[in-house]
Amino acid sequence: MLLALFFFAAGYTHALRPFAYAAQAAPWMTDVPDIETVARASKLNPNRGEYGADATNAINAFLNPVVIPALGQARYKAEHLVSLDDVKARIQNDITDPQALMTFSHGVPVMVQTMTRTMPGWNHWNATHMITIFAFDFSHNDPALDTVTYAETPSPLAGYRGPDFQTITVKALWVAMQAYLREFPQDPMNVIS
């Protein structure tokens, strides 16, 4: 289900983002598109990356053949969420979505826009970046203790030096998400779910 994890950074590192589509489409699709097909569908621009609305359209274009017959509509939509409670609710509701679990045997990961400066594995490099959250633990009801687990797909060329999967506190996630809203207001679509 982890279809899209988009990397926003300077120059050619934008070209790495379509790898995430292809690498993560397998749970939904039997025929995963190649990197060039994905880049064209998401209107990838190596100089600026892609916007949340374009990413959402591309995700749905790839998933619609599987999702629309089962659900009667596209699954993902981009939204501008500005409260931590709204983001947490979206994560919890989508990952535990009973309709998706029953229909597809998995929940629906949530993609969020972040800035990388405070995120693990980025060595304080600051770039716009989308992560795909696929697991959470909100049992503490405390952002300093609650966690989310997400996929990372950029190559070392992009500046990332961490594992493929990361777990961070909700507080750390919110810091990275708020930085995105503050530092990249050109794209207000900060949550795709």
Foldseek 3Di string as FASTA:
>chain_A
DQQFWAFFDAAQLNLQRLVSNQVPCVLQDVDRDDSVVLCVQLVQDRGTHGFPQSNLRSVQVVRVVRPCVLPVDGDKDFDQDDDLVVVVVVQVCQQVVPSCCVRRVGGHWKKFWFWCQLPPQQVRDTGIIIWTWNDWACPVVDQQPTKTKTADRGDVVRRGGDDRMDIDGSVSVSVGRVCCCVVPVVHSRGMMD
